[in-house]
Amino acid sequence: MSPRRADPKLADRRKEALERAGYAEILEKGIQGTTLDSVVARAGSSKGGALYYFPTKEDLLYGVLEWLLKQLHRTLDEVVHSGEPPRARLAAELEVLFHSTEINRKLYLVLFDFAGLGARIERFQRLFVDFFERCRRRDVDIVADGIKQQQFRRVNPEEAAATIRALVDGYCFQWLLGAENIPIETYRDRCRAVLGAYLLR
């Protein structure tokens, strides 16, 4: 009788269930308040099963951040590969990045919690470096294509990509921590106006 083979799809689903539960715990309690036990309870998993995938809390946190950034990449890649003209792709990207009050508050609360780890622990930093590099490549492609199609004026695509990222993260940071109750759509429109003045012919 041959031994039972592990189902890789089932293993992936169990691992992702823990990552999703970890995201929810961090959102609710912050990184410091999140424990392996609380994540296991939220996921309806077993402690032994969780330790198989994530032997330590740091491993779990790494898995959560990796999972979260993959979700962002998947959504943003769909925008870039939509086949729309460059201006439409950039507008769609801004719609994704300034999605809604609820989604953005959740996303940035968790990302800012992880930023501290990224500044102190090398493997977390590498995840952020890879994320920003992929964002840069996407935006360089959009801007370069826009210049080629004469939708954007001639700028340095690398500098433009860095500007897009700085504006998005800067405006989202201001929105999240601002004392005034300004809708996120206002910050999106400000970002759009600055980029329009910078890029449009």
N, C-alpha and C. Protein backbone atom coordinates (compact mmCIF):
# COMPACT_ATOMS: atom_id res chain seq x y z
N MET A 1 0.84 -1.18 0.00
CA MET A 1 0.00 0.00 0.00
C MET A 1 0.89 1.25 0.00
N SER A 2 0.71 2.10 -1.00
CA SER A 2 1.58 3.28 -1.13
C SER A 2 1.13 4.36 -0.14
N PRO A 3 2.10 5.15 0.35
CA PRO A 3 1.73 6.22 1.30
C PRO A 3 0.90 7.29 0.62
N ARG A 4 0.05 7.96 1.39
CA ARG A 4 -0.78 9.04 0.83
C ARG A 4 0.09 10.22 0.47
N ARG A 5 -0.17 10.80 -0.67
CA ARG A 5 0.58 11.98 -1.11
C ARG A 5 -0.13 13.24 -0.63
N ALA A 6 0.68 14.18 -0.21
CA ALA A 6 0.12 15.46 0.23
C ALA A 6 -0.48 16.20 -0.95
N ASP A 7 -1.61 16.82 -0.73
CA ASP A 7 -2.27 17.61 -1.77
C ASP A 7 -1.71 19.03 -1.72
N PRO A 8 -0.89 19.44 -2.73
CA PRO A 8 -0.28 20.77 -2.68
C PRO A 8 -1.30 21.90 -2.70
N LYS A 9 -2.43 21.69 -3.38
CA LYS A 9 -3.46 22.73 -3.42
C LYS A 9 -4.10 22.91 -2.05
N LEU A 10 -4.33 21.80 -1.35
CA LEU A 10 -4.89 21.88 -0.01
C LEU A 10 -3.91 22.57 0.93
N ALA A 11 -2.63 22.24 0.79
CA ALA A 11 -1.60 22.87 1.62
C ALA A 11 -1.56 24.37 1.36
N ASP A 12 -1.66 24.77 0.10
CA ASP A 12 -1.66 26.20 -0.24
C ASP A 12 -2.87 26.90 0.36
N ARG A 13 -4.03 26.23 0.32
CA ARG A 13 -5.24 26.83 0.89
C ARG A 13 -5.12 27.00 2.40
N ARG A 14 -4.55 26.00 3.07
CA ARG A 14 -4.39 26.09 4.53
C ARG A 14 -3.40 27.21 4.89
N LYS A 15 -2.34 27.30 4.13
CA LYS A 15 -1.34 28.35 4.37
C LYS A 15 -1.95 29.73 4.15
N GLU A 16 -2.72 29.86 3.07
CA GLU A 16 -3.33 31.16 2.77
C GLU A 16 -4.40 31.51 3.82
N ALA A 17 -5.09 30.52 4.33
CA ALA A 17 -6.08 30.79 5.38
C ALA A 17 -5.40 31.39 6.62
N LEU A 18 -4.21 30.90 6.94
CA LEU A 18 -3.47 31.45 8.07
C LEU A 18 -2.97 32.86 7.76
N GLU A 19 -2.54 33.08 6.52
CA GLU A 19 -2.07 34.42 6.14
C GLU A 19 -3.22 35.43 6.18
N ARG A 20 -4.38 35.03 5.69
CA ARG A 20 -5.54 35.92 5.73
C ARG A 20 -5.95 36.21 7.19
N ALA A 21 -5.91 35.18 8.01
CA ALA A 21 -6.24 35.37 9.42
C ALA A 21 -5.20 36.28 10.09
N GLY A 22 -3.95 36.12 9.71
CA GLY A 22 -2.90 36.97 10.24
C GLY A 22 -3.11 38.42 9.85
N TYR A 23 -3.51 38.65 8.61
CA TYR A 23 -3.80 40.01 8.15
C TYR A 23 -4.94 40.61 8.99
N ALA A 24 -5.99 39.84 9.20
CA ALA A 24 -7.13 40.32 9.98
C ALA A 24 -6.73 40.63 11.42
N GLU A 25 -5.88 39.78 11.99
CA GLU A 25 -5.43 40.01 13.37
C GLU A 25 -4.58 41.27 13.47
N ILE A 26 -3.67 41.45 12.51
CA ILE A 26 -2.81 42.65 12.53
C ILE A 26 -3.66 43.90 12.35
N LEU A 27 -4.64 43.82 11.47
CA LEU A 27 -5.52 44.96 11.26
C LEU A 27 -6.26 45.33 12.54
N GLU A 28 -6.67 44.33 13.27
CA GLU A 28 -7.47 44.57 14.49
C GLU A 28 -6.60 44.93 15.70
N LYS A 29 -5.44 44.26 15.83
CA LYS A 29 -4.65 44.38 17.06
C LYS A 29 -3.26 44.96 16.87
N GLY A 30 -2.83 45.13 15.62
CA GLY A 30 -1.46 45.54 15.37
C GLY A 30 -0.51 44.35 15.46
N ILE A 31 0.71 44.55 14.98
CA ILE A 31 1.69 43.47 14.98
C ILE A 31 2.01 43.02 16.41
N GLN A 32 2.17 43.97 17.32
CA GLN A 32 2.55 43.61 18.69
C GLN A 32 1.46 42.77 19.37
N GLY A 33 0.20 43.06 19.07
CA GLY A 33 -0.89 42.35 19.71
C GLY A 33 -1.27 41.03 19.06
N THR A 34 -0.67 40.76 17.91
CA THR A 34 -0.98 39.52 17.18
C THR A 34 -0.08 38.39 17.67
N THR A 35 -0.69 37.24 17.91
CA THR A 35 0.07 36.06 18.34
C THR A 35 -0.25 34.90 17.41
N LEU A 36 0.61 33.90 17.43
CA LEU A 36 0.33 32.69 16.66
C LEU A 36 -0.98 32.06 17.11
N ASP A 37 -1.21 32.04 18.42
CA ASP A 37 -2.43 31.43 18.94
C ASP A 37 -3.68 32.16 18.45
N SER A 38 -3.63 33.51 18.41
CA SER A 38 -4.80 34.27 17.97
C SER A 38 -5.07 34.05 16.49
N VAL A 39 -4.01 33.90 15.72
CA VAL A 39 -4.17 33.65 14.29
C VAL A 39 -4.72 32.25 14.06
N VAL A 40 -4.21 31.28 14.80
CA VAL A 40 -4.71 29.90 14.69
C VAL A 40 -6.19 29.85 15.02
N ALA A 41 -6.59 30.53 16.09
CA ALA A 41 -8.00 30.54 16.48
C ALA A 41 -8.86 31.18 15.41
N ARG A 42 -8.40 32.31 14.85
CA ARG A 42 -9.19 33.00 13.82
C ARG A 42 -9.31 32.15 12.56
N ALA A 43 -8.24 31.44 12.21
CA ALA A 43 -8.23 30.63 10.99
C ALA A 43 -8.96 29.30 11.18
N GLY A 44 -9.26 28.93 12.43
CA GLY A 44 -9.87 27.63 12.69
C GLY A 44 -8.91 26.51 12.38
N SER A 45 -7.63 26.76 12.60
CA SER A 45 -6.59 25.79 12.29
C SER A 45 -6.14 25.11 13.58
N SER A 46 -5.15 24.26 13.46
CA SER A 46 -4.53 23.65 14.64
C SER A 46 -3.17 24.28 14.85
N LYS A 47 -2.71 24.30 16.09
CA LYS A 47 -1.41 24.89 16.39
C LYS A 47 -0.31 24.13 15.65
N GLY A 48 -0.42 22.82 15.63
CA GLY A 48 0.59 22.02 14.93
C GLY A 48 0.62 22.31 13.44
N GLY A 49 -0.58 22.44 12.86
CA GLY A 49 -0.64 22.76 11.43
C GLY A 49 -0.04 24.12 11.13
N ALA A 50 -0.33 25.08 12.00
CA ALA A 50 0.21 26.43 11.80
C ALA A 50 1.72 26.43 11.92
N LEU A 51 2.25 25.69 12.90
CA LEU A 51 3.70 25.66 13.10
C LEU A 51 4.41 24.96 11.95
N TYR A 52 3.71 24.10 11.24
CA TYR A 52 4.31 23.45 10.07
C TYR A 52 4.64 24.50 9.00
N TYR A 53 3.73 25.45 8.81
CA TYR A 53 3.94 26.49 7.80
C TYR A 53 4.76 27.66 8.35
N PHE A 54 4.52 28.00 9.61
CA PHE A 54 5.14 29.19 10.20
C PHE A 54 5.69 28.82 11.59
N PRO A 55 6.94 28.36 11.66
CA PRO A 55 7.50 27.92 12.95
C PRO A 55 7.60 29.02 14.01
N THR A 56 7.67 30.28 13.57
CA THR A 56 7.77 31.39 14.52
C THR A 56 6.78 32.49 14.13
N LYS A 57 6.56 33.40 15.06
CA LYS A 57 5.70 34.55 14.76
C LYS A 57 6.30 35.38 13.64
N GLU A 58 7.62 35.54 13.62
CA GLU A 58 8.25 36.30 12.55
C GLU A 58 7.99 35.64 11.19
N ASP A 59 8.04 34.32 11.14
CA ASP A 59 7.75 33.61 9.89
C ASP A 59 6.32 33.88 9.45
N LEU A 60 5.40 33.89 10.40
CA LEU A 60 4.00 34.18 10.08
C LEU A 60 3.85 35.60 9.54
N LEU A 61 4.48 36.56 10.21
CA LEU A 61 4.40 37.95 9.76
C LEU A 61 4.97 38.10 8.36
N TYR A 62 6.06 37.42 8.10
CA TYR A 62 6.66 37.45 6.77
C TYR A 62 5.68 36.89 5.74
N GLY A 63 5.03 35.78 6.08
CA GLY A 63 4.05 35.18 5.17
C GLY A 63 2.88 36.11 4.90
N VAL A 64 2.42 36.82 5.93
CA VAL A 64 1.31 37.75 5.77
C VAL A 64 1.70 38.89 4.84
N LEU A 65 2.88 39.47 5.05
CA LEU A 65 3.32 40.57 4.19
C LEU A 65 3.52 40.10 2.76
N GLU A 66 4.11 38.93 2.60
CA GLU A 66 4.33 38.39 1.25
C GLU A 66 2.99 38.18 0.54
N TRP A 67 2.02 37.62 1.26
CA TRP A 67 0.69 37.39 0.70
C TRP A 67 0.03 38.71 0.32
N LEU A 68 0.12 39.72 1.20
CA LEU A 68 -0.52 41.00 0.95
C LEU A 68 0.07 41.69 -0.27
N LEU A 69 1.38 41.68 -0.39
CA LEU A 69 2.02 42.34 -1.54
C LEU A 69 1.70 41.60 -2.84
N LYS A 70 1.55 40.29 -2.77
CA LYS A 70 1.15 39.54 -3.97
C LYS A 70 -0.24 39.94 -4.43
N GLN A 71 -1.15 40.19 -3.49
CA GLN A 71 -2.50 40.63 -3.87
C GLN A 71 -2.44 41.98 -4.57
N LEU A 72 -1.60 42.88 -4.04
CA LEU A 72 -1.45 44.19 -4.67
C LEU A 72 -0.86 44.08 -6.06
N HIS A 73 0.17 43.24 -6.20
CA HIS A 73 0.78 43.06 -7.51
C HIS A 73 -0.22 42.51 -8.52
N ARG A 74 -1.01 41.55 -8.09
CA ARG A 74 -1.98 40.94 -9.01
C ARG A 74 -2.96 41.99 -9.53
N THR A 75 -3.45 42.82 -8.65
CA THR A 75 -4.41 43.86 -9.05
C THR A 75 -3.76 44.88 -9.96
N LEU A 76 -2.56 45.34 -9.60
CA LEU A 76 -1.88 46.37 -10.40
C LEU A 76 -1.41 45.82 -11.74
N ASP A 77 -1.02 44.56 -11.79
CA ASP A 77 -0.61 43.96 -13.07
C ASP A 77 -1.79 43.90 -14.04
N GLU A 78 -2.99 43.66 -13.52
CA GLU A 78 -4.18 43.65 -14.38
C GLU A 78 -4.37 45.01 -15.05
N VAL A 79 -4.09 46.08 -14.31
CA VAL A 79 -4.22 47.43 -14.86
C VAL A 79 -3.22 47.65 -15.98
N VAL A 80 -1.97 47.27 -15.73
CA VAL A 80 -0.90 47.51 -16.69
C VAL A 80 -1.11 46.72 -17.97
N HIS A 81 -1.64 45.52 -17.85
CA HIS A 81 -1.80 44.64 -19.01
C HIS A 81 -3.21 44.68 -19.58
N SER A 82 -3.94 45.76 -19.29
CA SER A 82 -5.33 45.86 -19.73
C SER A 82 -5.45 46.15 -21.22
N GLY A 83 -4.39 46.66 -21.84
CA GLY A 83 -4.46 47.02 -23.26
C GLY A 83 -5.02 48.41 -23.51
N GLU A 84 -5.37 49.11 -22.42
CA GLU A 84 -5.88 50.48 -22.54
C GLU A 84 -4.75 51.44 -22.89
N PRO A 85 -5.09 52.64 -23.42
CA PRO A 85 -4.05 53.64 -23.67
C PRO A 85 -3.34 54.03 -22.37
N PRO A 86 -2.11 54.56 -22.47
CA PRO A 86 -1.34 54.88 -21.26
C PRO A 86 -2.05 55.80 -20.28
N ARG A 87 -2.72 56.84 -20.76
CA ARG A 87 -3.42 57.75 -19.85
C ARG A 87 -4.51 57.02 -19.08
N ALA A 88 -5.23 56.14 -19.76
CA ALA A 88 -6.29 55.38 -19.11
C ALA A 88 -5.71 54.40 -18.09
N ARG A 89 -4.55 53.80 -18.40
CA ARG A 89 -3.92 52.87 -17.46
C ARG A 89 -3.45 53.59 -16.20
N LEU A 90 -2.88 54.79 -16.38
CA LEU A 90 -2.43 55.54 -15.23
C LEU A 90 -3.63 55.97 -14.37
N ALA A 91 -4.71 56.39 -15.01
CA ALA A 91 -5.92 56.77 -14.28
C ALA A 91 -6.48 55.57 -13.52
N ALA A 92 -6.47 54.40 -14.17
CA ALA A 92 -6.98 53.18 -13.52
C ALA A 92 -6.09 52.78 -12.34
N GLU A 93 -4.79 52.97 -12.50
CA GLU A 93 -3.87 52.66 -11.41
C GLU A 93 -4.17 53.55 -10.19
N LEU A 94 -4.42 54.82 -10.43
CA LEU A 94 -4.75 55.72 -9.32
C LEU A 94 -6.07 55.33 -8.66
N GLU A 95 -7.03 54.86 -9.45
CA GLU A 95 -8.30 54.39 -8.88
C GLU A 95 -8.06 53.20 -7.95
N VAL A 96 -7.15 52.31 -8.35
CA VAL A 96 -6.83 51.15 -7.51
C VAL A 96 -6.12 51.60 -6.24
N LEU A 97 -5.15 52.50 -6.39
CA LEU A 97 -4.33 52.91 -5.25
C LEU A 97 -5.07 53.81 -4.26
N PHE A 98 -6.09 54.51 -4.75
CA PHE A 98 -6.97 55.30 -3.87
C PHE A 98 -8.37 54.70 -3.93
N HIS A 99 -8.46 53.43 -3.62
CA HIS A 99 -9.67 52.66 -3.90
C HIS A 99 -10.89 53.17 -3.14
N SER A 100 -10.79 53.20 -1.83
CA SER A 100 -11.92 53.62 -1.00
C SER A 100 -11.43 53.86 0.42
N THR A 101 -12.21 54.56 1.19
CA THR A 101 -11.84 54.83 2.58
C THR A 101 -11.61 53.53 3.35
N GLU A 102 -12.53 52.59 3.23
CA GLU A 102 -12.44 51.35 3.99
C GLU A 102 -11.23 50.53 3.58
N ILE A 103 -11.07 50.30 2.27
CA ILE A 103 -9.97 49.45 1.79
C ILE A 103 -8.62 50.09 2.08
N ASN A 104 -8.48 51.39 1.79
CA ASN A 104 -7.19 52.04 1.98
C ASN A 104 -6.81 52.13 3.46
N ARG A 105 -7.79 52.38 4.32
CA ARG A 105 -7.47 52.46 5.75
C ARG A 105 -6.93 51.11 6.22
N LYS A 106 -7.57 50.03 5.84
CA LYS A 106 -7.10 48.70 6.24
C LYS A 106 -5.70 48.44 5.69
N LEU A 107 -5.52 48.69 4.40
CA LEU A 107 -4.25 48.39 3.75
C LEU A 107 -3.10 49.18 4.38
N TYR A 108 -3.29 50.49 4.53
CA TYR A 108 -2.17 51.30 5.02
C TYR A 108 -1.92 51.14 6.51
N LEU A 109 -2.95 50.84 7.29
CA LEU A 109 -2.72 50.53 8.70
C LEU A 109 -1.78 49.33 8.83
N VAL A 110 -2.02 48.31 8.03
CA VAL A 110 -1.18 47.11 8.08
C VAL A 110 0.20 47.38 7.48
N LEU A 111 0.24 48.06 6.33
CA LEU A 111 1.54 48.33 5.70
C LEU A 111 2.44 49.18 6.59
N PHE A 112 1.86 50.18 7.26
CA PHE A 112 2.69 51.02 8.13
C PHE A 112 3.18 50.22 9.33
N ASP A 113 2.40 49.26 9.81
CA ASP A 113 2.88 48.39 10.87
C ASP A 113 4.11 47.60 10.38
N PHE A 114 4.02 47.13 9.15
CA PHE A 114 5.12 46.34 8.59
C PHE A 114 6.33 47.19 8.23
N ALA A 115 6.13 48.49 8.00
CA ALA A 115 7.26 49.35 7.61
C ALA A 115 8.35 49.33 8.68
N GLY A 116 7.96 49.26 9.94
CA GLY A 116 8.95 49.18 11.01
C GLY A 116 9.81 47.93 10.91
N LEU A 117 9.17 46.81 10.58
CA LEU A 117 9.94 45.57 10.39
C LEU A 117 10.85 45.68 9.18
N GLY A 118 10.33 46.32 8.11
CA GLY A 118 11.13 46.47 6.90
C GLY A 118 12.38 47.31 7.13
N ALA A 119 12.29 48.25 8.06
CA ALA A 119 13.44 49.10 8.35
C ALA A 119 14.48 48.40 9.23
N ARG A 120 14.06 47.30 9.90
CA ARG A 120 14.95 46.66 10.87
C ARG A 120 15.38 45.24 10.51
N ILE A 121 14.56 44.54 9.73
CA ILE A 121 14.84 43.13 9.46
C ILE A 121 15.02 42.94 7.96
N GLU A 122 16.15 42.37 7.58
CA GLU A 122 16.54 42.35 6.17
C GLU A 122 15.54 41.63 5.27
N ARG A 123 15.00 40.51 5.70
CA ARG A 123 14.12 39.78 4.78
C ARG A 123 12.80 40.52 4.55
N PHE A 124 12.34 41.28 5.53
CA PHE A 124 11.16 42.12 5.32
C PHE A 124 11.51 43.28 4.39
N GLN A 125 12.70 43.82 4.58
CA GLN A 125 13.14 44.91 3.70
C GLN A 125 13.18 44.43 2.25
N ARG A 126 13.64 43.20 2.03
CA ARG A 126 13.74 42.68 0.66
C ARG A 126 12.35 42.59 0.00
N LEU A 127 11.33 42.25 0.79
CA LEU A 127 9.97 42.21 0.24
C LEU A 127 9.54 43.60 -0.21
N PHE A 128 9.83 44.61 0.61
CA PHE A 128 9.47 45.98 0.22
C PHE A 128 10.28 46.44 -0.98
N VAL A 129 11.57 46.12 -1.01
CA VAL A 129 12.41 46.51 -2.16
C VAL A 129 11.86 45.91 -3.44
N ASP A 130 11.49 44.63 -3.39
CA ASP A 130 10.92 43.96 -4.56
C ASP A 130 9.60 44.60 -4.95
N PHE A 131 8.77 44.94 -3.97
CA PHE A 131 7.48 45.57 -4.26
C PHE A 131 7.69 46.90 -4.98
N PHE A 132 8.56 47.75 -4.43
CA PHE A 132 8.78 49.06 -5.05
C PHE A 132 9.42 48.93 -6.42
N GLU A 133 10.28 47.93 -6.60
CA GLU A 133 10.89 47.73 -7.91
C GLU A 133 9.86 47.33 -8.95
N ARG A 134 8.94 46.45 -8.58
CA ARG A 134 7.89 46.06 -9.53
C ARG A 134 6.95 47.22 -9.83
N CYS A 135 6.66 48.03 -8.82
CA CYS A 135 5.86 49.23 -9.05
C CYS A 135 6.58 50.17 -10.01
N ARG A 136 7.88 50.33 -9.79
CA ARG A 136 8.67 51.21 -10.65
C ARG A 136 8.64 50.73 -12.10
N ARG A 137 8.82 49.42 -12.30
CA ARG A 137 8.82 48.89 -13.67
C ARG A 137 7.48 49.09 -14.34
N ARG A 138 6.39 48.87 -13.60
CA ARG A 138 5.06 49.08 -14.18
C ARG A 138 4.89 50.53 -14.61
N ASP A 139 5.26 51.45 -13.73
CA ASP A 139 5.06 52.87 -14.05
C ASP A 139 6.00 53.36 -15.12
N VAL A 140 7.22 52.85 -15.15
CA VAL A 140 8.14 53.20 -16.24
C VAL A 140 7.53 52.79 -17.58
N ASP A 141 6.96 51.59 -17.63
CA ASP A 141 6.35 51.10 -18.88
C ASP A 141 5.19 51.99 -19.31
N ILE A 142 4.34 52.39 -18.34
CA ILE A 142 3.19 53.25 -18.68
C ILE A 142 3.67 54.59 -19.21
N VAL A 143 4.62 55.19 -18.50
CA VAL A 143 5.10 56.51 -18.90
C VAL A 143 5.82 56.45 -20.24
N ALA A 144 6.70 55.47 -20.41
CA ALA A 144 7.43 55.34 -21.67
C ALA A 144 6.47 55.13 -22.84
N ASP A 145 5.45 54.31 -22.61
CA ASP A 145 4.45 54.07 -23.66
C ASP A 145 3.67 55.35 -23.97
N GLY A 146 3.37 56.12 -22.92
CA GLY A 146 2.65 57.37 -23.11
C GLY A 146 3.46 58.39 -23.90
N ILE A 147 4.76 58.42 -23.65
CA ILE A 147 5.64 59.32 -24.41
C ILE A 147 5.69 58.88 -25.88
N LYS A 148 5.80 57.59 -26.07
CA LYS A 148 5.87 57.04 -27.43
C LYS A 148 4.60 57.36 -28.21
N GLN A 149 3.45 57.28 -27.53
CA GLN A 149 2.17 57.55 -28.19
C GLN A 149 1.80 59.04 -28.16
N GLN A 150 2.73 59.85 -27.66
CA GLN A 150 2.55 61.31 -27.59
C GLN A 150 1.35 61.72 -26.72
N GLN A 151 1.06 60.91 -25.71
CA GLN A 151 0.04 61.28 -24.73
C GLN A 151 0.68 62.01 -23.55
N PHE A 152 1.95 61.74 -23.28
CA PHE A 152 2.70 62.40 -22.23
C PHE A 152 3.84 63.19 -22.86
N ARG A 153 4.22 64.25 -22.17
CA ARG A 153 5.36 65.01 -22.67
C ARG A 153 6.64 64.23 -22.38
N ARG A 154 7.73 64.68 -22.96
CA ARG A 154 9.00 63.96 -22.81
C ARG A 154 9.59 64.23 -21.42
N VAL A 155 9.51 63.23 -20.57
CA VAL A 155 10.11 63.28 -19.25
C VAL A 155 10.97 62.03 -19.10
N ASN A 156 11.74 61.98 -18.05
CA ASN A 156 12.52 60.78 -17.76
C ASN A 156 11.58 59.75 -17.12
N PRO A 157 11.32 58.61 -17.79
CA PRO A 157 10.36 57.64 -17.23
C PRO A 157 10.73 57.14 -15.84
N GLU A 158 12.03 57.00 -15.57
CA GLU A 158 12.46 56.54 -14.25
C GLU A 158 12.09 57.57 -13.18
N GLU A 159 12.35 58.85 -13.46
CA GLU A 159 12.01 59.89 -12.50
C GLU A 159 10.49 60.01 -12.34
N ALA A 160 9.78 59.85 -13.44
CA ALA A 160 8.32 59.92 -13.37
C ALA A 160 7.76 58.78 -12.52
N ALA A 161 8.31 57.58 -12.67
CA ALA A 161 7.85 56.43 -11.87
C ALA A 161 8.09 56.68 -10.38
N ALA A 162 9.25 57.24 -10.04
CA ALA A 162 9.55 57.54 -8.65
C ALA A 162 8.60 58.61 -8.11
N THR A 163 8.24 59.57 -8.96
CA THR A 163 7.32 60.64 -8.57
C THR A 163 5.92 60.08 -8.30
N ILE A 164 5.46 59.19 -9.17
CA ILE A 164 4.14 58.57 -8.99
C ILE A 164 4.07 57.87 -7.63
N ARG A 165 5.10 57.05 -7.33
CA ARG A 165 5.10 56.30 -6.07
C ARG A 165 5.14 57.24 -4.88
N ALA A 166 5.97 58.28 -4.97
CA ALA A 166 6.09 59.22 -3.85
C ALA A 166 4.78 59.95 -3.61
N LEU A 167 4.11 60.36 -4.67
CA LEU A 167 2.83 61.06 -4.52
C LEU A 167 1.77 60.15 -3.91
N VAL A 168 1.68 58.94 -4.41
CA VAL A 168 0.65 58.01 -3.91
C VAL A 168 0.87 57.73 -2.43
N ASP A 169 2.09 57.31 -2.07
CA ASP A 169 2.34 56.96 -0.67
C ASP A 169 2.26 58.20 0.23
N GLY A 170 2.76 59.33 -0.25
CA GLY A 170 2.71 60.56 0.54
C GLY A 170 1.29 61.01 0.79
N TYR A 171 0.46 61.02 -0.23
CA TYR A 171 -0.92 61.44 -0.07
C TYR A 171 -1.70 60.46 0.81
N CYS A 172 -1.46 59.16 0.65
CA CYS A 172 -2.16 58.18 1.49
C CYS A 172 -1.74 58.32 2.95
N PHE A 173 -0.47 58.62 3.18
CA PHE A 173 0.03 58.82 4.54
C PHE A 173 -0.64 60.05 5.16
N GLN A 174 -0.70 61.14 4.40
CA GLN A 174 -1.34 62.36 4.89
C GLN A 174 -2.82 62.12 5.19
N TRP A 175 -3.47 61.38 4.30
CA TRP A 175 -4.90 61.11 4.48
C TRP A 175 -5.13 60.27 5.74
N LEU A 176 -4.32 59.22 5.92
CA LEU A 176 -4.53 58.32 7.05
C LEU A 176 -4.29 59.02 8.38
N LEU A 177 -3.27 59.86 8.45
CA LEU A 177 -2.89 60.47 9.72
C LEU A 177 -3.36 61.91 9.88
N GLY A 178 -4.03 62.44 8.86
CA GLY A 178 -4.48 63.82 8.94
C GLY A 178 -5.57 64.02 9.97
N ALA A 179 -5.51 65.16 10.65
CA ALA A 179 -6.52 65.47 11.66
C ALA A 179 -7.85 65.85 11.02
N GLU A 180 -7.79 66.41 9.81
CA GLU A 180 -9.01 66.82 9.13
C GLU A 180 -9.69 65.60 8.51
N ASN A 181 -10.99 65.66 8.44
CA ASN A 181 -11.75 64.54 7.88
C ASN A 181 -11.93 64.76 6.38
N ILE A 182 -10.81 64.66 5.65
CA ILE A 182 -10.84 64.89 4.20
C ILE A 182 -11.01 63.55 3.49
N PRO A 183 -11.96 63.44 2.58
CA PRO A 183 -12.18 62.17 1.87
C PRO A 183 -10.95 61.75 1.08
N ILE A 184 -10.74 60.45 0.96
CA ILE A 184 -9.58 59.96 0.22
C ILE A 184 -9.65 60.37 -1.25
N GLU A 185 -10.87 60.54 -1.76
CA GLU A 185 -11.03 60.96 -3.16
C GLU A 185 -10.40 62.34 -3.41
N THR A 186 -10.37 63.18 -2.39
CA THR A 186 -9.73 64.49 -2.52
C THR A 186 -8.24 64.34 -2.75
N TYR A 187 -7.63 63.41 -2.01
CA TYR A 187 -6.19 63.17 -2.18
C TYR A 187 -5.92 62.51 -3.54
N ARG A 188 -6.81 61.63 -3.96
CA ARG A 188 -6.66 61.04 -5.31
C ARG A 188 -6.68 62.14 -6.36
N ASP A 189 -7.61 63.07 -6.24
CA ASP A 189 -7.73 64.14 -7.23
C ASP A 189 -6.52 65.07 -7.19
N ARG A 190 -5.97 65.30 -6.00
CA ARG A 190 -4.76 66.10 -5.90
C ARG A 190 -3.60 65.40 -6.60
N CYS A 191 -3.49 64.12 -6.37
CA CYS A 191 -2.44 63.33 -7.01
C CYS A 191 -2.60 63.38 -8.53
N ARG A 192 -3.83 63.20 -8.99
CA ARG A 192 -4.12 63.23 -10.43
C ARG A 192 -3.76 64.60 -11.03
N ALA A 193 -4.07 65.68 -10.30
CA ALA A 193 -3.79 67.02 -10.81
C ALA A 193 -2.28 67.27 -10.94
N VAL A 194 -1.53 66.85 -9.92
CA VAL A 194 -0.07 67.03 -9.96
C VAL A 194 0.53 66.24 -11.11
N LEU A 195 0.11 64.99 -11.25
CA LEU A 195 0.64 64.17 -12.33
C LEU A 195 0.22 64.70 -13.69
N GLY A 196 -1.00 65.23 -13.78
CA GLY A 196 -1.44 65.82 -15.04
C GLY A 196 -0.58 67.00 -15.44
N ALA A 197 -0.27 67.88 -14.48
CA ALA A 197 0.57 69.04 -14.77
C ALA A 197 1.98 68.60 -15.15
N TYR A 198 2.41 67.49 -14.59
CA TYR A 198 3.79 66.99 -14.82
C TYR A 198 3.90 66.23 -16.14
N LEU A 199 2.89 65.40 -16.44
CA LEU A 199 3.01 64.47 -17.57
C LEU A 199 2.31 64.91 -18.86
N LEU A 200 1.18 65.59 -18.71
CA LEU A 200 0.38 65.83 -19.91
C LEU A 200 0.99 66.91 -20.78
N ARG A 201 0.80 66.75 -22.06
CA ARG A 201 1.38 67.66 -23.04
C ARG A 201 0.62 68.99 -23.01
